Amino acid sequence: MIENSQLDKKSLRILTKNNPDWEELAKDCVCFANAYGGRLLFGIEDGKEEPPRDQKVPNDLVSKLVKNMQSRTLNVSVIPRVVQHENGAEYLELTVQRTASTVACTSKGRYYIRVEDDCKPILPDELPRLLSDKSAFVWELQSYLKIPHTEYDAQKLKNFVRDIRKSTRVSAFVKEKSPEELMDYYFFAQDKYLTNLGVLWIGKRAHRAKLLYAPAAQYIKYDEQEQKVNKIVWDDYSLNPKELIEDIWAKVPDWKEGLEIQDGLFRQKVADYDEVVVRELLANAFVHRPYTIRGDIFINIFSNRMEIHNPGLFPLGVTAENILHKSVQRNTHLAKVFYDLQLMEKEGSGYDKIFATLLSMGKPLPQPKEGSDRVSVTVEKRIIKKEVIRFMEKANQIYNLGTKEIISLGLIAQHTTLTAIEFSKILNLEEPNGVRSWMGRLLELELVKQKGRTKGTTYFVEPELLKRLEFKGQTDLKNIEAHRLRALILEDLGIYGKSAISEIHTRIGKEIPLRTLRTQINNLQMEGKIKKEGEKKGTRYFIDDSL
């Protein structure tokens, strides 16, 4: 049990000591109530997974806790229960229910909200935003159109079921559900009616058009004088969010444009706007916008940049500065659908992927900005340093870098040198050891070097290393390009048939990182080029002769 946005562990001594800090506990309950609800576990210490042996919860503690929370909070509902752990000990679990359409506060009139594992105060001018977010949460499960759950678009439901069963993020238990059971599981239907979420995803066009604020998008192209020269609009409500993203990607001509760069024998086309970045930003726009306010999603393409505008403001707790580290879901169930269908990264990791992709391409970081009624993200077309592209590609091929390592290496390579303070400022790192945790293995691998100590530490990439790529991998196969590895996998399965990943790994080369091999096998499966059967250690991959 890891503490997060919906779980907090506390010592039982907090309640049993003389003069417990009831005001602080009331604040914790208000935080959970204004966010997504949560649980307070009294009797399990921080960093522990179980209560101390022989621990017992005093008989009068439950009523004392509830009485104090009721007298010190407004619009907070709590459910207590004494739980007996497997080790025989007891702990007290206090479930705090989410306030659906009101705002919780302490009896002293103070407002708070839970953001990840922190409790943050809410300022008076932020209360309208909190109310708007709460309405957005309720919106997903409402059925105000009263459309019978049988009145769905049959093709859209068929496509959804197919995509769920193909997804590598969905358990076998969920995949085995019938279409009707999947509708219930993903909250597309409730009380024999389609929910707003169901109408949005599998509803008929006429029904989707009746939603108060069904999503619509506009692409506008500007010339160098910033005059409009092209426009495409998606506002007929015939497409669900996934289909909208696919159609936007297919129809916008700018996605196919790029720059071919050459460095000796190295030649590569770098897209003006990478597909990974575009899709992730579009997914974020559809998932995190409030569906209780009017406004289209705008994709504005200028001669030197792309801007994606989304109606609504950042959720409380998220800012343009901390967007890499903080993530608050505004539409929880819609986000679950997007994640399970592999349309976006999991909560908190989407912007990591955007940062890593742009830095690997030698480009500037994205620039999020909050306006008076909308959020925009700007992505520049320019390449800061062409040599960074080849450097990042080779470093990742050889050392299979993690996302944080890619971001850190890309930043330092672009700037040549960065002090610890500059690095922390760019990534908005607050914790003392934040820089070192983001560096990962870069210093050990000598891709990055450092000089100085503490706040005076400077990180740098040697210019000669950046220019000449003078670092060595262990073997040629370890550096194998993705398309060659995929060809090897297909050739191997064509010869040997159904095989475990360990068997494939042994046959084509154990020097290839298992993580790299697994990634390409998953990609081949997503593309329908190979199939799998079984689960966990019993998983076998094969080429279906009928494909």
Protein backbone atom coordinates (compact mmCIF):
# COMPACT_ATOMS: atom_id res chain seq x y z
CA MET A 1 0.00 0.00 0.00
CA ILE A 2 1.71 3.13 -1.26
CA GLU A 3 0.52 6.57 -0.16
CA ASN A 4 -1.00 8.46 -3.07
CA SER A 5 -3.85 10.80 -3.93
CA GLN A 6 -6.39 8.46 -2.30
CA LEU A 7 -4.49 6.77 0.52
CA ASP A 8 -2.70 8.05 3.63
CA LYS A 9 -1.17 5.95 6.41
CA LYS A 10 -0.85 7.21 9.98
CA SER A 11 0.26 5.85 13.33
CA LEU A 12 -2.51 4.84 15.74
CA ARG A 13 -0.72 6.96 18.35
CA ILE A 14 -2.04 10.06 16.54
CA LEU A 15 -5.49 9.17 17.89
CA THR A 16 -4.59 7.57 21.24
CA LYS A 17 -2.17 10.23 22.57
CA ASN A 18 -3.30 12.99 24.90
CA ASN A 19 -4.86 15.92 23.01
CA PRO A 20 -4.88 14.54 19.41
CA ASP A 21 -4.55 17.19 16.72
CA TRP A 22 -8.15 16.95 15.55
CA GLU A 23 -7.83 20.11 13.44
CA GLU A 24 -5.05 18.56 11.35
CA LEU A 25 -7.09 15.37 10.85
CA ALA A 26 -10.12 17.47 9.85
CA LYS A 27 -7.92 19.18 7.28
CA ASP A 28 -6.90 15.75 5.87
CA CYS A 29 -10.56 14.72 5.55
CA VAL A 30 -11.46 17.97 3.77
CA CYS A 31 -8.54 17.39 1.36
CA PHE A 32 -9.83 13.95 0.37
CA ALA A 33 -13.46 15.09 0.15
CA ASN A 34 -12.62 17.92 -2.26
CA ALA A 35 -10.48 15.64 -4.46
CA TYR A 36 -11.53 12.07 -5.26
CA GLY A 37 -12.25 10.74 -1.82
CA GLY A 38 -9.79 8.48 -0.08
CA ARG A 39 -8.84 6.37 2.92
CA LEU A 40 -6.95 7.18 6.11
CA LEU A 41 -5.38 4.07 7.65
CA PHE A 42 -4.71 4.64 11.35
CA GLY A 43 -2.40 1.96 12.70
CA ILE A 44 -0.10 1.38 9.73
CA GLU A 45 3.10 3.41 9.91
CA ASP A 46 4.62 5.24 6.93
CA GLY A 47 6.72 2.82 4.88
CA LYS A 48 5.04 -0.24 6.45
CA GLU A 49 2.65 -2.67 4.81
CA GLU A 50 0.95 -4.03 7.93
CA PRO A 51 0.08 -2.94 11.48
CA PRO A 52 2.32 -3.89 14.42
CA ARG A 53 1.55 -7.34 15.80
CA ASP A 54 -0.85 -7.45 18.76
CA GLN A 55 -2.10 -3.92 17.98
CA LYS A 56 -5.72 -3.39 19.05
CA VAL A 57 -8.03 -0.45 18.33
CA PRO A 58 -9.63 0.89 21.55
CA ASN A 59 -13.40 0.40 21.64
CA ASP A 60 -14.26 4.08 22.00
CA LEU A 61 -11.87 5.32 19.31
CA VAL A 62 -14.23 4.99 16.35
CA SER A 63 -17.01 7.09 17.85
CA LYS A 64 -14.49 9.66 19.15
CA LEU A 65 -12.92 10.06 15.68
CA VAL A 66 -16.27 10.38 13.87
CA LYS A 67 -17.63 12.84 16.43
CA ASN A 68 -14.60 15.10 16.11
CA MET A 69 -14.61 15.01 12.30
CA GLN A 70 -18.32 15.85 12.17
CA SER A 71 -17.89 18.80 14.52
CA ARG A 72 -14.80 20.15 12.75
CA THR A 73 -15.82 19.85 9.09
CA LEU A 74 -18.65 20.83 6.75
CA ASN A 75 -19.85 18.73 3.77
CA VAL A 76 -17.58 15.83 4.77
CA SER A 77 -18.92 12.28 4.99
CA VAL A 78 -16.78 9.59 6.64
CA ILE A 79 -17.24 5.83 7.09
CA PRO A 80 -15.11 4.17 9.80
CA ARG A 81 -14.39 0.50 10.31
CA VAL A 82 -11.96 -1.58 12.36
CA VAL A 83 -10.04 -3.98 10.11
CA GLN A 84 -8.30 -7.12 11.26
CA HIS A 85 -5.09 -7.74 9.32
CA GLU A 86 -3.82 -11.19 8.34
CA ASN A 87 -1.22 -10.95 11.11
CA GLY A 88 -4.00 -10.71 13.70
CA ALA A 89 -3.48 -7.03 14.47
CA GLU A 90 -6.13 -4.33 14.06
CA TYR A 91 -6.13 -0.93 12.40
CA LEU A 92 -8.77 1.74 11.87
CA GLU A 93 -9.77 2.58 8.30
CA LEU A 94 -11.58 5.88 7.75
CA THR A 95 -13.11 6.22 4.27
CA VAL A 96 -13.74 9.81 3.22
CA GLN A 97 -16.36 10.10 0.49
CA ARG A 98 -15.96 12.53 -2.37
CA THR A 99 -18.27 15.53 -2.31
CA ALA A 100 -20.15 15.30 -5.59
CA SER A 101 -21.46 18.84 -6.07
CA THR A 102 -20.50 20.80 -2.96
CA VAL A 103 -17.19 22.01 -1.52
CA ALA A 104 -15.95 20.65 1.80
CA CYS A 105 -14.26 22.89 4.36
CA THR A 106 -13.20 22.93 7.99
CA SER A 107 -15.54 24.41 10.60
CA LYS A 108 -13.24 27.43 10.59
CA GLY A 109 -14.03 28.07 6.91
CA ARG A 110 -10.75 26.83 5.41
CA TYR A 111 -10.62 24.89 2.17
CA TYR A 112 -8.08 22.25 1.10
CA ILE A 113 -7.61 19.67 -1.64
CA ARG A 114 -5.48 16.55 -2.02
CA VAL A 115 -2.97 16.72 -4.89
CA GLU A 116 -1.02 13.47 -5.24
CA ASP A 117 0.17 12.84 -1.64
CA ASP A 118 0.04 16.48 -0.50
CA CYS A 119 -2.72 18.56 1.10
CA LYS A 120 -2.91 21.99 -0.55
CA PRO A 121 -4.90 25.06 0.58
CA ILE A 122 -7.55 26.42 -1.80
CA LEU A 123 -7.62 30.20 -2.17
CA PRO A 124 -10.99 31.99 -2.39
CA ASP A 125 -10.57 32.83 -6.09
CA GLU A 126 -9.95 29.12 -6.82
CA LEU A 127 -13.31 27.95 -5.46
CA PRO A 128 -15.19 28.48 -8.75
CA ARG A 129 -12.62 26.29 -10.52
CA LEU A 130 -13.07 23.54 -7.92
CA LEU A 131 -16.85 23.65 -8.38
CA SER A 132 -16.36 23.44 -12.15
CA ASP A 133 -14.13 20.38 -11.77
CA LYS A 134 -16.67 18.70 -9.52
CA SER A 135 -19.37 19.24 -12.12
CA ALA A 136 -17.07 17.72 -14.71
CA PHE A 137 -16.64 14.63 -12.53
CA VAL A 138 -20.40 14.24 -12.12
CA TRP A 139 -20.94 14.82 -15.86
CA GLU A 140 -19.41 11.49 -16.87
CA LEU A 141 -21.94 9.36 -15.02
CA GLN A 142 -25.04 11.49 -15.59
CA SER A 143 -27.82 10.20 -17.87
CA TYR A 144 -29.85 13.36 -18.35
CA LEU A 145 -30.59 12.51 -22.01
CA LYS A 146 -32.39 9.34 -20.83
CA ILE A 147 -31.21 7.30 -23.81
CA PRO A 148 -31.90 3.57 -23.29
CA HIS A 149 -28.72 1.53 -22.88
CA THR A 150 -29.70 -0.49 -25.97
CA GLU A 151 -29.68 2.62 -28.22
CA TYR A 152 -25.95 2.61 -28.93
CA ASP A 153 -24.13 2.75 -32.25
CA ALA A 154 -23.52 -0.94 -32.97
CA GLN A 155 -20.35 -0.34 -35.01
CA LYS A 156 -18.84 1.92 -32.37
CA LEU A 157 -19.47 -0.66 -29.65
CA LYS A 158 -18.03 -3.38 -31.86
CA ASN A 159 -14.89 -1.30 -32.46
CA PHE A 160 -14.55 -0.54 -28.76
CA VAL A 161 -14.82 -4.21 -27.77
CA ARG A 162 -12.27 -5.16 -30.44
CA ASP A 163 -9.81 -2.51 -29.27
CA ILE A 164 -10.17 -3.48 -25.61
CA ARG A 165 -9.51 -7.14 -26.40
CA LYS A 166 -6.41 -6.21 -28.42
CA SER A 167 -5.00 -3.92 -25.73
CA THR A 168 -1.93 -5.06 -23.80
CA ARG A 169 -3.03 -2.92 -20.83
CA VAL A 170 -6.23 -4.82 -20.11
CA SER A 171 -6.35 -8.00 -18.03
CA ALA A 172 -7.68 -11.28 -19.42
CA PHE A 173 -10.53 -11.06 -16.89
CA VAL A 174 -11.79 -7.82 -18.47
CA LYS A 175 -11.22 -9.02 -22.04
CA GLU A 176 -13.47 -12.02 -21.41
CA LYS A 177 -16.45 -9.81 -20.54
CA SER A 178 -19.36 -9.61 -22.97
CA PRO A 179 -20.02 -6.30 -24.79
CA GLU A 180 -22.82 -5.50 -22.35
CA GLU A 181 -20.59 -6.27 -19.37
CA LEU A 182 -17.86 -4.03 -20.81
CA MET A 183 -20.41 -1.21 -21.08
CA ASP A 184 -21.10 -1.55 -17.36
CA TYR A 185 -17.42 -1.96 -16.48
CA TYR A 186 -16.43 1.28 -18.22
CA PHE A 187 -19.55 3.14 -16.97
CA PHE A 188 -21.01 3.57 -20.45
CA ALA A 189 -24.40 2.50 -19.06
CA GLN A 190 -26.07 2.90 -15.69
CA ASP A 191 -29.63 2.21 -14.53
CA LYS A 192 -30.60 1.04 -18.03
CA TYR A 193 -29.54 4.34 -19.64
CA LEU A 194 -26.41 5.40 -21.49
CA THR A 195 -24.33 7.75 -19.38
CA ASN A 196 -22.85 10.90 -20.91
CA LEU A 197 -19.59 8.98 -21.16
CA GLY A 198 -21.40 6.18 -23.00
CA VAL A 199 -23.04 8.63 -25.41
CA LEU A 200 -19.68 10.28 -26.01
CA TRP A 201 -17.94 6.99 -26.84
CA ILE A 202 -20.51 4.57 -28.31
CA GLY A 203 -23.57 6.76 -28.81
CA LYS A 204 -25.26 7.59 -32.09
CA ARG A 205 -24.47 10.87 -33.83
CA ALA A 206 -27.88 12.41 -33.08
CA HIS A 207 -27.53 11.58 -29.39
CA ARG A 208 -23.95 12.86 -29.19
CA ALA A 209 -25.08 16.14 -30.72
CA LYS A 210 -27.54 16.59 -27.83
CA LEU A 211 -24.81 16.51 -25.21
CA LEU A 212 -24.46 20.01 -23.78
CA TYR A 213 -20.81 20.36 -24.76
CA ALA A 214 -19.78 17.47 -26.98
CA PRO A 215 -16.16 17.86 -28.13
CA ALA A 216 -15.38 19.62 -31.40
CA ALA A 217 -12.03 20.56 -32.93
CA GLN A 218 -10.65 23.07 -35.41
CA TYR A 219 -7.39 23.08 -37.36
CA ILE A 220 -6.27 26.50 -38.59
CA LYS A 221 -3.14 27.10 -40.67
CA TYR A 222 -1.47 30.54 -40.69
CA ASP A 223 1.13 31.89 -43.10
CA GLU A 224 4.25 33.84 -42.14
CA GLN A 225 2.17 37.01 -41.76
CA GLU A 226 -0.16 34.99 -39.48
CA GLN A 227 -3.04 35.20 -41.95
CA LYS A 228 -5.39 32.19 -42.14
CA VAL A 229 -4.70 30.04 -45.20
CA ASN A 230 -6.42 26.73 -44.36
CA LYS A 231 -9.07 25.44 -42.00
CA ILE A 232 -10.60 22.05 -41.17
CA VAL A 233 -13.46 21.69 -38.69
CA TRP A 234 -14.70 18.59 -36.86
CA ASP A 235 -18.08 19.62 -35.45
CA ASP A 236 -20.69 17.22 -36.83
CA TYR A 237 -20.55 14.92 -33.75
CA SER A 238 -20.23 11.77 -35.85
CA LEU A 239 -16.92 10.73 -34.26
CA ASN A 240 -16.04 9.64 -30.73
CA PRO A 241 -12.79 10.94 -29.15
CA LYS A 242 -10.60 8.13 -30.51
CA GLU A 243 -12.01 8.53 -34.02
CA LEU A 244 -11.53 12.30 -33.78
CA ILE A 245 -7.84 11.89 -32.94
CA GLU A 246 -7.36 9.42 -35.81
CA ASP A 247 -9.18 11.71 -38.25
CA ILE A 248 -7.18 14.75 -37.14
CA TRP A 249 -3.95 12.84 -37.61
CA ALA A 250 -5.05 11.61 -41.06
CA LYS A 251 -6.30 14.94 -42.45
CA VAL A 252 -3.90 17.63 -41.22
CA PRO A 253 -1.23 18.00 -43.94
CA ASP A 254 1.38 19.53 -41.62
CA TRP A 255 1.98 16.23 -39.83
CA LYS A 256 3.71 14.90 -42.95
CA GLU A 257 6.18 17.77 -43.17
CA GLY A 258 9.71 17.63 -41.79
CA LEU A 259 13.37 18.38 -42.28
CA GLU A 260 15.97 15.96 -43.58
CA ILE A 261 19.28 16.35 -41.78
CA GLN A 262 22.61 14.85 -42.73
CA ASP A 263 25.77 14.39 -40.68
CA GLY A 264 28.37 12.43 -42.62
CA LEU A 265 26.74 9.13 -43.55
CA PHE A 266 23.87 9.79 -41.16
CA ARG A 267 20.63 10.91 -42.80
CA GLN A 268 17.29 11.19 -41.07
CA LYS A 269 13.99 12.96 -41.55
CA VAL A 270 12.89 14.82 -38.46
CA ALA A 271 9.16 15.58 -38.41
CA ASP A 272 8.15 19.15 -37.74
CA TYR A 273 5.68 17.77 -35.21
CA ASP A 274 6.31 14.21 -34.07
CA GLU A 275 3.36 11.81 -34.03
CA VAL A 276 3.97 10.80 -30.41
CA VAL A 277 3.85 14.44 -29.30
CA VAL A 278 0.78 15.32 -31.36
CA ARG A 279 -1.24 12.29 -30.26
CA GLU A 280 -0.35 12.73 -26.58
CA LEU A 281 -1.29 16.42 -26.63
CA LEU A 282 -4.59 15.69 -28.40
CA ALA A 283 -5.38 12.90 -25.93
CA ASN A 284 -4.66 15.27 -23.04
CA ALA A 285 -6.91 17.88 -24.61
CA PHE A 286 -9.86 15.47 -24.87
CA VAL A 287 -9.34 13.80 -21.49
CA HIS A 288 -8.58 16.81 -19.29
CA ARG A 289 -10.99 19.40 -20.68
CA PRO A 290 -14.10 20.12 -18.58
CA TYR A 291 -17.18 18.86 -20.41
CA THR A 292 -19.37 21.34 -18.55
CA ILE A 293 -18.21 24.43 -20.47
CA ARG A 294 -18.43 25.38 -24.12
CA GLY A 295 -15.36 25.58 -26.34
CA ASP A 296 -13.62 23.84 -29.24
CA ILE A 297 -10.15 22.35 -29.20
CA PHE A 298 -7.99 24.47 -31.54
CA ILE A 299 -4.92 23.22 -33.40
CA ASN A 300 -3.19 26.34 -34.70
CA ILE A 301 -0.21 25.84 -37.01
CA PHE A 302 2.09 28.81 -37.62
CA SER A 303 5.25 29.02 -39.72
CA ASN A 304 7.44 28.27 -36.70
CA ARG A 305 5.22 26.59 -34.13
CA MET A 306 2.11 24.61 -33.27
CA GLU A 307 -0.36 25.66 -30.58
CA ILE A 308 -3.04 23.37 -29.16
CA HIS A 309 -5.73 25.25 -27.22
CA ASN A 310 -8.11 23.53 -24.84
CA PRO A 311 -11.17 25.10 -23.13
CA GLY A 312 -11.02 25.34 -19.35
CA LEU A 313 -8.18 25.87 -16.90
CA PHE A 314 -5.68 23.52 -15.29
CA PRO A 315 -7.17 21.35 -12.53
CA LEU A 316 -6.44 22.71 -9.05
CA GLY A 317 -2.88 21.90 -8.00
CA VAL A 318 -1.52 21.80 -11.57
CA THR A 319 0.35 24.76 -13.06
CA ALA A 320 2.38 25.41 -16.19
CA GLU A 321 5.51 25.12 -14.02
CA ASN A 322 4.77 21.79 -12.30
CA ILE A 323 2.92 20.04 -15.13
CA LEU A 324 5.75 17.51 -15.51
CA HIS A 325 5.31 16.34 -11.91
CA LYS A 326 1.67 16.95 -11.01
CA SER A 327 -1.31 15.30 -12.60
CA VAL A 328 -4.93 15.60 -11.52
CA GLN A 329 -7.56 13.74 -13.52
CA ARG A 330 -10.61 15.83 -14.29
CA ASN A 331 -12.54 13.05 -16.09
CA THR A 332 -11.46 9.90 -14.28
CA HIS A 333 -13.52 7.35 -16.20
CA LEU A 334 -12.74 8.89 -19.60
CA ALA A 335 -9.03 8.82 -18.67
CA LYS A 336 -9.38 5.11 -17.84
CA VAL A 337 -10.83 4.41 -21.30
CA PHE A 338 -8.04 6.37 -23.01
CA TYR A 339 -5.36 4.57 -21.02
CA ASP A 340 -6.79 1.08 -21.55
CA LEU A 341 -7.09 1.73 -25.29
CA GLN A 342 -3.42 2.84 -25.32
CA LEU A 343 -4.37 6.31 -26.53
CA MET A 344 -2.36 8.04 -23.81
CA GLU A 345 0.16 7.39 -21.07
CA LYS A 346 -0.83 6.71 -17.50
CA GLU A 347 -1.55 9.58 -15.14
CA GLY A 348 1.54 11.68 -14.57
CA SER A 349 3.67 10.19 -17.35
CA GLY A 350 2.23 11.79 -20.52
CA TYR A 351 4.30 14.95 -20.33
CA ASP A 352 7.39 12.89 -19.49
CA LYS A 353 6.95 11.21 -22.87
CA ILE A 354 6.45 14.55 -24.65
CA PHE A 355 9.55 16.03 -23.02
CA ALA A 356 11.67 12.97 -23.86
CA THR A 357 10.51 12.86 -27.49
CA LEU A 358 11.17 16.56 -28.16
CA LEU A 359 14.58 16.54 -26.47
CA SER A 360 15.58 13.43 -28.43
CA MET A 361 14.82 15.41 -31.58
CA GLY A 362 17.00 18.33 -30.47
CA LYS A 363 13.95 20.57 -30.00
CA PRO A 364 12.89 23.00 -27.27
CA LEU A 365 10.61 21.90 -24.45
CA PRO A 366 6.85 22.44 -24.87
CA GLN A 367 5.46 25.65 -23.40
CA PRO A 368 2.17 25.19 -21.52
CA LYS A 369 0.28 28.36 -20.63
CA GLU A 370 -2.94 29.09 -18.74
CA GLY A 371 -5.12 31.92 -20.02
CA SER A 372 -8.33 33.39 -18.67
CA ASP A 373 -10.54 30.57 -19.96
CA ARG A 374 -8.29 28.05 -21.68
CA VAL A 375 -4.98 26.22 -21.59
CA SER A 376 -2.56 26.19 -24.52
CA VAL A 377 0.59 24.22 -25.27
CA THR A 378 3.12 25.54 -27.79
CA VAL A 379 5.53 23.21 -29.60
CA GLU A 380 8.25 24.82 -31.71
CA LYS A 381 9.30 23.48 -35.09
CA ARG A 382 12.96 24.47 -34.91
CA ILE A 383 15.83 22.18 -34.03
CA ILE A 384 18.26 23.71 -31.53
CA LYS A 385 21.18 21.36 -32.21
CA LYS A 386 21.17 18.83 -35.04
CA GLU A 387 24.06 16.85 -33.56
CA VAL A 388 21.96 16.15 -30.46
CA ILE A 389 19.62 13.95 -32.52
CA ARG A 390 22.25 11.42 -33.52
CA PHE A 391 23.85 11.59 -30.08
CA MET A 392 20.56 10.85 -28.30
CA GLU A 393 19.67 8.07 -30.71
CA LYS A 394 22.97 6.25 -30.25
CA ALA A 395 23.04 6.74 -26.48
CA ASN A 396 19.54 5.28 -26.17
CA GLN A 397 20.31 2.37 -28.49
CA ILE A 398 23.38 1.39 -26.51
CA TYR A 399 22.24 2.01 -22.95
CA ASN A 400 18.45 1.69 -23.19
CA LEU A 401 17.90 4.89 -21.23
CA GLY A 402 14.89 5.52 -19.03
CA THR A 403 12.55 8.45 -19.65
CA LYS A 404 14.09 10.65 -16.94
CA GLU A 405 17.58 9.86 -18.23
CA ILE A 406 16.57 10.84 -21.79
CA ILE A 407 15.12 14.13 -20.56
CA SER A 408 18.18 14.92 -18.45
CA LEU A 409 20.68 13.99 -21.17
CA GLY A 410 18.74 15.91 -23.83
CA LEU A 411 18.60 19.05 -21.70
CA ILE A 412 22.31 19.00 -20.87
CA ALA A 413 23.30 18.17 -24.47
CA GLN A 414 21.26 21.10 -25.79
CA HIS A 415 22.77 23.54 -23.29
CA THR A 416 26.24 21.92 -23.28
CA THR A 417 26.48 22.75 -19.54
CA LEU A 418 23.87 23.22 -16.82
CA THR A 419 24.34 23.99 -13.15
CA ALA A 420 22.31 22.02 -10.62
CA ILE A 421 20.28 25.16 -9.90
CA GLU A 422 19.56 25.75 -13.61
CA PHE A 423 18.61 22.10 -14.08
CA SER A 424 16.24 22.22 -11.09
CA LYS A 425 14.67 25.45 -12.33
CA ILE A 426 13.98 24.10 -15.84
CA LEU A 427 12.30 20.94 -14.49
CA ASN A 428 10.80 22.64 -11.42
CA LEU A 429 12.49 20.22 -9.00
CA GLU A 430 11.88 20.97 -5.35
CA GLU A 431 13.24 17.99 -3.42
CA PRO A 432 16.93 18.13 -2.34
CA ASN A 433 17.97 14.98 -4.21
CA GLY A 434 15.77 15.67 -7.22
CA VAL A 435 18.61 16.31 -9.68
CA ARG A 436 20.44 13.07 -8.86
CA SER A 437 17.25 11.00 -9.17
CA TRP A 438 16.65 12.45 -12.65
CA MET A 439 20.26 11.78 -13.71
CA GLY A 440 19.91 8.06 -13.11
CA ARG A 441 22.93 6.26 -14.63
CA LEU A 442 24.17 9.14 -16.80
CA LEU A 443 27.17 9.93 -14.59
CA GLU A 444 28.03 6.25 -14.14
CA LEU A 445 27.92 5.70 -17.91
CA GLU A 446 30.00 8.87 -18.40
CA LEU A 447 27.50 10.30 -20.86
CA VAL A 448 27.34 13.26 -18.51
CA LYS A 449 30.16 14.58 -16.35
CA GLN A 450 30.10 16.91 -13.39
CA LYS A 451 32.34 19.38 -11.62
CA GLY A 452 31.87 21.29 -8.41
CA ARG A 453 29.84 20.31 -5.37
CA THR A 454 26.37 20.86 -3.85
CA LYS A 455 24.67 23.97 -5.31
CA GLY A 456 27.77 24.76 -7.36
CA THR A 457 27.64 21.46 -9.23
CA THR A 458 27.77 21.80 -13.01
CA TYR A 459 26.74 19.01 -15.39
CA PHE A 460 28.07 18.88 -18.94
CA VAL A 461 28.49 16.75 -22.05
CA GLU A 462 31.96 16.94 -23.54
CA PRO A 463 31.76 18.69 -26.94
CA GLU A 464 33.96 16.05 -28.59
CA LEU A 465 31.68 13.29 -27.36
CA LEU A 466 28.68 15.10 -28.78
CA LYS A 467 30.35 15.67 -32.15
CA ARG A 468 32.16 12.36 -32.69
CA LEU A 469 29.92 9.95 -30.78
CA GLU A 470 32.98 8.37 -29.19
CA PHE A 471 31.33 6.01 -26.76
CA LYS A 472 31.12 2.26 -27.18
CA GLY A 473 28.40 -0.28 -26.77
CA GLN A 474 29.03 -3.81 -25.62
CA THR A 475 28.04 -5.64 -28.83
CA ASP A 476 26.64 -4.91 -32.25
CA LEU A 477 23.35 -6.64 -31.41
CA LYS A 478 22.90 -4.43 -28.36
CA ASN A 479 22.83 -1.47 -30.74
CA ILE A 480 20.43 -3.12 -33.17
CA GLU A 481 17.97 -0.76 -34.81
CA ALA A 482 14.28 -1.22 -34.03
CA HIS A 483 13.24 -2.26 -37.56
CA ARG A 484 16.01 -4.88 -37.73
CA LEU A 485 15.04 -6.30 -34.34
CA ARG A 486 11.42 -6.57 -35.45
CA ALA A 487 12.51 -8.43 -38.58
CA LEU A 488 14.53 -10.86 -36.43
CA ILE A 489 11.52 -11.51 -34.18
CA LEU A 490 9.25 -12.25 -37.14
CA GLU A 491 11.88 -14.49 -38.74
CA ASP A 492 12.40 -16.38 -35.47
CA LEU A 493 8.66 -16.97 -34.90
CA GLY A 494 8.27 -17.99 -38.54
CA ILE A 495 10.81 -20.76 -38.00
CA TYR A 496 10.10 -21.92 -34.46
CA GLY A 497 6.39 -21.14 -34.02
CA LYS A 498 4.81 -20.48 -30.62
CA SER A 499 7.52 -19.31 -28.22
CA ALA A 500 7.98 -17.66 -24.84
CA ILE A 501 9.80 -14.34 -24.80
CA SER A 502 12.71 -16.01 -22.98
CA GLU A 503 13.07 -18.52 -25.84
CA ILE A 504 13.03 -15.75 -28.46
CA HIS A 505 15.57 -13.81 -26.39
CA THR A 506 17.95 -16.80 -26.24
CA ARG A 507 17.73 -17.55 -29.95
CA ILE A 508 18.19 -14.04 -31.39
CA GLY A 509 20.75 -12.78 -28.87
CA LYS A 510 20.80 -12.37 -25.10
CA GLU A 511 22.94 -9.26 -25.42
CA ILE A 512 19.83 -7.44 -26.64
CA PRO A 513 18.20 -5.83 -23.55
CA LEU A 514 15.07 -7.79 -22.59
CA ARG A 515 13.20 -4.51 -22.17
CA THR A 516 14.00 -3.56 -25.77
CA LEU A 517 12.90 -6.97 -27.05
CA ARG A 518 9.66 -6.82 -25.06
CA THR A 519 8.87 -3.35 -26.43
CA GLN A 520 9.20 -4.49 -30.06
CA ILE A 521 7.18 -7.67 -29.41
CA ASN A 522 4.39 -5.53 -27.90
CA ASN A 523 4.55 -3.18 -30.90
CA LEU A 524 4.26 -6.09 -33.34
CA GLN A 525 1.31 -7.42 -31.38
CA MET A 526 -0.43 -4.02 -31.37
CA GLU A 527 0.04 -3.83 -35.15
CA GLY A 528 -1.55 -7.27 -35.52
CA LYS A 529 1.60 -8.87 -36.99
CA ILE A 530 1.89 -11.41 -34.20
CA LYS A 531 -0.50 -12.81 -31.62
CA LYS A 532 -0.17 -14.17 -28.12
CA GLU A 533 -1.89 -16.73 -25.95
CA GLY A 534 -1.68 -17.45 -22.23
CA GLU A 535 -0.80 -15.13 -19.37
CA LYS A 536 2.31 -14.27 -17.36
CA LYS A 537 4.90 -17.10 -17.52
CA GLY A 538 2.61 -19.10 -19.79
CA THR A 539 2.50 -16.39 -22.50
CA ARG A 540 3.45 -17.63 -25.97
CA TYR A 541 3.84 -15.48 -29.11
CA PHE A 542 3.19 -16.68 -32.65
CA ILE A 543 2.40 -15.63 -36.21
CA ASP A 544 -1.19 -16.38 -37.14
CA ASP A 545 -1.22 -17.95 -40.60
CA SER A 546 -4.61 -16.35 -41.24
CA LEU A 547 -3.18 -12.81 -40.90
